[in-house]
C-alpha atoms as a PDB file:
ATOM      1  CA  MET A   1      89.574 -10.226  -2.045  1.00  0.00           C
ATOM      2  CA  ALA A   2      86.480 -11.503  -2.495  1.00  0.00           C
ATOM      3  CA  THR A   3      83.855 -10.388  -0.128  1.00  0.00           C
ATOM      4  CA  SER A   4      80.492 -12.460  -0.364  1.00  0.00           C
ATOM      5  CA  THR A   5      77.293 -10.895   0.165  1.00  0.00           C
ATOM      6  CA  PRO A   6      75.055 -13.058   2.301  1.00  0.00           C
ATOM      7  CA  LYS A   7      72.345 -14.702   0.079  1.00  0.00           C
ATOM      8  CA  GLU A   8      68.603 -15.145   1.456  1.00  0.00           C
ATOM      9  CA  ASN A   9      67.712 -18.649   2.147  1.00  0.00           C
ATOM     10  CA  PRO A  10      65.708 -19.290  -0.898  1.00  0.00           C
ATOM     11  CA  GLN A  11      63.629 -21.752   1.426  1.00  0.00           C
ATOM     12  CA  LYS A  12      62.372 -18.890   3.672  1.00  0.00           C
ATOM     13  CA  SER A  13      61.348 -16.578   0.816  1.00  0.00           C
ATOM     14  CA  SER A  14      59.231 -19.298  -0.812  1.00  0.00           C
ATOM     15  CA  LYS A  15      57.742 -19.679   2.437  1.00  0.00           C
ATOM     16  CA  LEU A  16      56.878 -16.252   3.150  1.00  0.00           C
ATOM     17  CA  VAL A  17      55.349 -15.979  -0.414  1.00  0.00           C
ATOM     18  CA  LEU A  18      53.367 -19.030  -0.066  1.00  0.00           C
ATOM     19  CA  LEU A  19      51.992 -17.534   3.642  1.00  0.00           C
ATOM     20  CA  VAL A  20      50.932 -13.898   1.729  1.00  0.00           C
ATOM     21  CA  ILE A  21      49.227 -15.929  -0.974  1.00  0.00           C
ATOM     22  CA  ALA A  22      47.488 -17.921   1.823  1.00  0.00           C
ATOM     23  CA  LEU A  23      46.402 -15.093   3.623  1.00  0.00           C
ATOM     24  CA  ALA A  24      45.049 -13.470   0.475  1.00  0.00           C
ATOM     25  CA  VAL A  25      43.275 -16.359  -0.625  1.00  0.00           C
ATOM     26  CA  LEU A  26      41.596 -16.953   2.910  1.00  0.00           C
ATOM     27  CA  GLY A  27      40.764 -12.940   3.221  1.00  0.00           C
ATOM     28  CA  ILE A  28      39.021 -13.226  -0.431  1.00  0.00           C
ATOM     29  CA  ALA A  29      37.064 -16.406   0.646  1.00  0.00           C
ATOM     30  CA  ALA A  30      36.099 -14.527   3.819  1.00  0.00           C
ATOM     31  CA  GLY A  31      34.834 -11.765   2.329  1.00  0.00           C
ATOM     32  CA  ALA A  32      32.588 -13.916  -0.202  1.00  0.00           C
ATOM     33  CA  ALA A  33      31.344 -15.868   2.708  1.00  0.00           C
ATOM     34  CA  ALA A  34      30.388 -12.818   4.318  1.00  0.00           C
ATOM     35  CA  ALA A  35      28.701 -11.441   1.406  1.00  0.00           C
ATOM     36  CA  TYR A  36      26.941 -14.424   0.605  1.00  0.00           C
ATOM     37  CA  PHE A  37      25.601 -14.828   4.252  1.00  0.00           C
ATOM     38  CA  TYR A  38      24.870 -11.004   4.515  1.00  0.00           C
ATOM     39  CA  LEU A  39      23.011 -10.753   1.055  1.00  0.00           C
ATOM     40  CA  GLY A  40      21.490 -13.989   0.874  1.00  0.00           C
ATOM     41  CA  GLY A  41      20.329 -13.621   4.733  1.00  0.00           C
ATOM     42  CA  LYS A  42      18.510 -10.507   3.856  1.00  0.00           C
ATOM     43  CA  GLN A  43      16.941 -12.279   0.524  1.00  0.00           C
ATOM     44  CA  GLN A  44      15.837 -14.811   2.712  1.00  0.00           C
ATOM     45  CA  LEU A  45      14.222 -12.389   5.091  1.00  0.00           C
ATOM     46  CA  LYS A  46      12.392 -10.599   2.258  1.00  0.00           C
ATOM     47  CA  GLU A  47      10.905 -14.087   1.206  1.00  0.00           C
ATOM     48  CA  THR A  48       9.850 -15.238   4.843  1.00  0.00           C
ATOM     49  CA  VAL A  49       8.224 -12.308   5.770  1.00  0.00           C
ATOM     50  CA  ALA A  50       4.527 -12.511   4.058  1.00  0.00           C
ATOM     51  CA  LEU A  51       3.147  -9.406   2.775  1.00  0.00           C
ATOM     52  CA  PRO A  52      -0.396  -9.253   4.285  1.00  0.00           C
ATOM     53  CA  ALA A  53      -3.316  -9.948   1.887  1.00  0.00           C
ATOM     54  CA  GLU A  54      -5.231  -7.211   0.042  1.00  0.00           C
ATOM     55  CA  PRO A  55      -8.680  -6.921   1.817  1.00  0.00           C
ATOM     56  CA  ILE A  56     -11.531  -8.115   0.126  1.00  0.00           C
ATOM     57  CA  PHE A  57     -14.793  -5.711   1.063  1.00  0.00           C
ATOM     58  CA  VAL A  58     -18.396  -6.608   0.259  1.00  0.00           C
ATOM     59  CA  ALA A  59     -20.785  -3.227   0.424  1.00  0.00           C
ATOM     60  CA  LEU A  60     -24.086  -4.058   0.938  1.00  0.00           C
ATOM     61  CA  GLU A  61     -27.195  -1.803   0.240  1.00  0.00           C
ATOM     62  CA  PRO A  62     -28.468   0.369   3.045  1.00  0.00           C
ATOM     63  CA  PHE A  63     -31.220  -1.471   5.522  1.00  0.00           C
ATOM     64  CA  THR A  64     -34.091   0.266   6.684  1.00  0.00           C
ATOM     65  CA  VAL A  65     -36.085  -1.440   9.719  1.00  0.00           C
ATOM     66  CA  ASN A  66     -38.358  -0.730  11.942  1.00  0.00           C
ATOM     67  CA  LEU A  67     -37.140  -1.760  15.909  1.00  0.00           C
ATOM     68  CA  GLN A  68     -39.140  -3.266  18.322  1.00  0.00           C
ATOM     69  CA  PRO A  69     -41.474  -0.898  19.782  1.00  0.00           C
ATOM     70  CA  ASN A  70     -40.783   0.247  23.556  1.00  0.00           C
ATOM     71  CA  ASP A  71     -42.981   3.230  23.992  1.00  0.00           C
ATOM     72  CA  ARG A  72     -42.746   4.863  20.593  1.00  0.00           C
ATOM     73  CA  ARG A  73     -42.031   3.619  17.177  1.00  0.00           C
ATOM     74  CA  ARG A  74     -38.159   3.979  16.258  1.00  0.00           C
ATOM     75  CA  PHE A  75     -36.381   2.909  12.960  1.00  0.00           C
ATOM     76  CA  LEU A  76     -33.087   2.387  12.042  1.00  0.00           C
ATOM     77  CA  HIS A  77     -31.378   3.238   8.870  1.00  0.00           C
ATOM     78  CA  VAL A  78     -27.720   1.600   8.712  1.00  0.00           C
ATOM     79  CA  ALA A  79     -25.576   0.823   5.987  1.00  0.00           C
ATOM     80  CA  MET A  80     -22.557  -1.824   6.324  1.00  0.00           C
ATOM     81  CA  THR A  81     -19.453  -3.179   4.445  1.00  0.00           C
ATOM     82  CA  LEU A  82     -18.513  -6.804   5.078  1.00  0.00           C
ATOM     83  CA  LYS A  83     -14.417  -7.614   5.342  1.00  0.00           C
ATOM     84  CA  VAL A  84     -14.347 -11.109   3.781  1.00  0.00           C
ATOM     85  CA  ALA A  85     -11.250 -13.677   4.386  1.00  0.00           C
ATOM     86  CA  ASP A  86     -10.766 -14.873   0.807  1.00  0.00           C
ATOM     87  CA  ALA A  87     -12.396 -14.163  -2.769  1.00  0.00           C
ATOM     88  CA  LYS A  88     -14.479 -17.312  -2.524  1.00  0.00           C
ATOM     89  CA  SER A  89     -16.282 -16.122   0.611  1.00  0.00           C
ATOM     90  CA  GLN A  90     -16.958 -12.926  -1.585  1.00  0.00           C
ATOM     91  CA  ALA A  91     -18.234 -14.902  -4.381  1.00  0.00           C
ATOM     92  CA  GLN A  92     -20.648 -16.958  -2.100  1.00  0.00           C
ATOM     93  CA  LEU A  93     -21.856 -13.564  -0.624  1.00  0.00           C
ATOM     94  CA  ALA A  94     -22.571 -12.170  -3.646  1.00  0.00           C
ATOM     95  CA  GLN A  95     -24.531 -15.671  -4.878  1.00  0.00           C
ATOM     96  CA  TYR A  96     -26.506 -15.876  -2.028  1.00  0.00           C
ATOM     97  CA  LEU A  97     -27.166 -12.066  -1.772  1.00  0.00           C
ATOM     98  CA  PRO A  98     -30.769 -12.336  -1.068  1.00  0.00           C
ATOM     99  CA  GLU A  99     -30.181 -14.876   1.681  1.00  0.00           C
ATOM    100  CA  VAL A 100     -27.622 -12.545   3.101  1.00  0.00           C
ATOM    101  CA  ARG A 101     -29.783  -9.725   3.444  1.00  0.00           C
ATOM    102  CA  SER A 102     -32.657 -11.404   4.840  1.00  0.00           C
ATOM    103  CA  ARG A 103     -30.056 -12.636   7.835  1.00  0.00           C
ATOM    104  CA  VAL A 104     -29.160  -9.273   8.188  1.00  0.00           C
ATOM    105  CA  LEU A 105     -32.805  -7.594   8.488  1.00  0.00           C
ATOM    106  CA  THR A 106     -33.748 -10.368  10.994  1.00  0.00           C
ATOM    107  CA  VAL A 107     -31.204  -9.589  13.159  1.00  0.00           C
ATOM    108  CA  LEU A 108     -31.569  -5.846  12.848  1.00  0.00           C
ATOM    109  CA  SER A 109     -35.405  -5.850  13.233  1.00  0.00           C
ATOM    110  CA  ASN A 110     -34.937  -7.661  16.456  1.00  0.00           C
ATOM    111  CA  ARG A 111     -33.351  -5.115  18.214  1.00  0.00           C
ATOM    112  CA  GLU A 112     -34.597  -2.412  20.716  1.00  0.00           C
ATOM    113  CA  SER A 113     -33.629   0.968  20.266  1.00  0.00           C
ATOM    114  CA  GLU A 114     -32.119   1.582  23.628  1.00  0.00           C
ATOM    115  CA  SER A 115     -29.539  -1.131  22.930  1.00  0.00           C
ATOM    116  CA  LEU A 116     -28.196   0.636  20.066  1.00  0.00           C
ATOM    117  CA  LEU A 117     -27.455   3.968  21.679  1.00  0.00           C
ATOM    118  CA  SER A 118     -24.152   3.005  22.998  1.00  0.00           C
ATOM    119  CA  ALA A 119     -20.698   1.725  21.318  1.00  0.00           C
ATOM    120  CA  ASP A 120     -20.764  -1.303  23.194  1.00  0.00           C
ATOM    121  CA  GLY A 121     -24.547  -2.001  21.657  1.00  0.00           C
ATOM    122  CA  LYS A 122     -23.345  -1.466  18.191  1.00  0.00           C
ATOM    123  CA  ASN A 123     -20.373  -4.031  18.617  1.00  0.00           C
ATOM    124  CA  ARG A 124     -22.696  -6.545  19.762  1.00  0.00           C
ATOM    125  CA  LEU A 125     -24.857  -6.161  16.911  1.00  0.00           C
ATOM    126  CA  ALA A 126     -21.899  -6.257  14.411  1.00  0.00           C
ATOM    127  CA  ASN A 127     -21.126  -9.527  16.043  1.00  0.00           C
ATOM    128  CA  GLU A 128     -24.740 -11.007  15.754  1.00  0.00           C
ATOM    129  CA  ILE A 129     -24.634 -10.184  12.283  1.00  0.00           C
ATOM    130  CA  ARG A 130     -21.286 -11.795  11.261  1.00  0.00           C
ATOM    131  CA  ALA A 131     -22.434 -14.795  13.600  1.00  0.00           C
ATOM    132  CA  ALA A 132     -25.582 -14.939  11.358  1.00  0.00           C
ATOM    133  CA  LEU A 133     -23.594 -14.938   8.274  1.00  0.00           C
ATOM    134  CA  ASP A 134     -21.081 -17.546   9.404  1.00  0.00           C
ATOM    135  CA  GLN A 135     -23.831 -20.166   8.926  1.00  0.00           C
ATOM    136  CA  PRO A 136     -23.446 -21.918   5.888  1.00  0.00           C
ATOM    137  CA  PHE A 137     -26.157 -21.090   3.095  1.00  0.00           C
ATOM    138  CA  ALA A 138     -26.984 -24.433   1.851  1.00  0.00           C
ATOM    139  CA  PRO A 139     -26.071 -28.045   3.068  1.00  0.00           C
ATOM    140  CA  ASN A 140     -22.970 -29.358   2.282  1.00  0.00           C
ATOM    141  CA  LEU A 141     -21.541 -25.789   1.534  1.00  0.00           C
ATOM    142  CA  ALA A 142     -18.588 -24.301   3.699  1.00  0.00           C
ATOM    143  CA  PRO A 143     -19.757 -21.008   5.427  1.00  0.00           C
ATOM    144  CA  ALA A 144     -18.480 -17.756   4.101  1.00  0.00           C
ATOM    145  CA  LYS A 145     -15.643 -16.261   5.961  1.00  0.00           C
ATOM    146  CA  VAL A 146     -16.500 -12.917   7.158  1.00  0.00           C
ATOM    147  CA  ALA A 147     -13.694 -11.184   9.144  1.00  0.00           C
ATOM    148  CA  SER A 148     -15.648  -8.235  10.200  1.00  0.00           C
ATOM    149  CA  VAL A 149     -18.718  -6.125   9.834  1.00  0.00           C
ATOM    150  CA  MET A 150     -18.185  -2.226   9.602  1.00  0.00           C
ATOM    151  CA  PHE A 151     -21.033   0.023   9.681  1.00  0.00           C
ATOM    152  CA  THR A 152     -20.795   2.938   7.139  1.00  0.00           C
ATOM    153  CA  THR A 153     -24.077   4.623   7.886  1.00  0.00           C
ATOM    154  CA  PHE A 154     -25.868   4.554  11.039  1.00  0.00           C
ATOM    155  CA  MET A 155     -28.814   6.476  11.766  1.00  0.00           C
ATOM    156  CA  LEU A 156     -31.553   5.800  14.678  1.00  0.00           C
ATOM    157  CA  GLN A 157     -35.053   7.863  14.858  1.00  0.00           C
END
């Protein structure tokens, strides 16, 4: 008496092996794609976010000017630093420093002391100085790019 054991269908087992291999390959590919997009996306984000440029400051020697007389004589002693947009503007201000100082002195000396007592008056003064320095120093020369005027010393007597 011979008993026969049922044999597995070789076709079913090969399909099962192929299915397992296909799922493994698909899983590996999905993992690789996720890693590429995750890591590649972070790298791309780092490249697109531009770091702010280093600020460039130009310190001017202090100024002492007589103010417009009202009822008594007053003077202003002020030191300031200019924030410029680029190295070209910094070089241009250094090259034309006597004219820079002259323009600033002109703006400062045309002030009345009462207009400089408030913070708003000081802000207007800083804006007027910036506007005076935004004018070209020579024909056919681009103006220096002064971003802001900051007072480092401000004494009114």
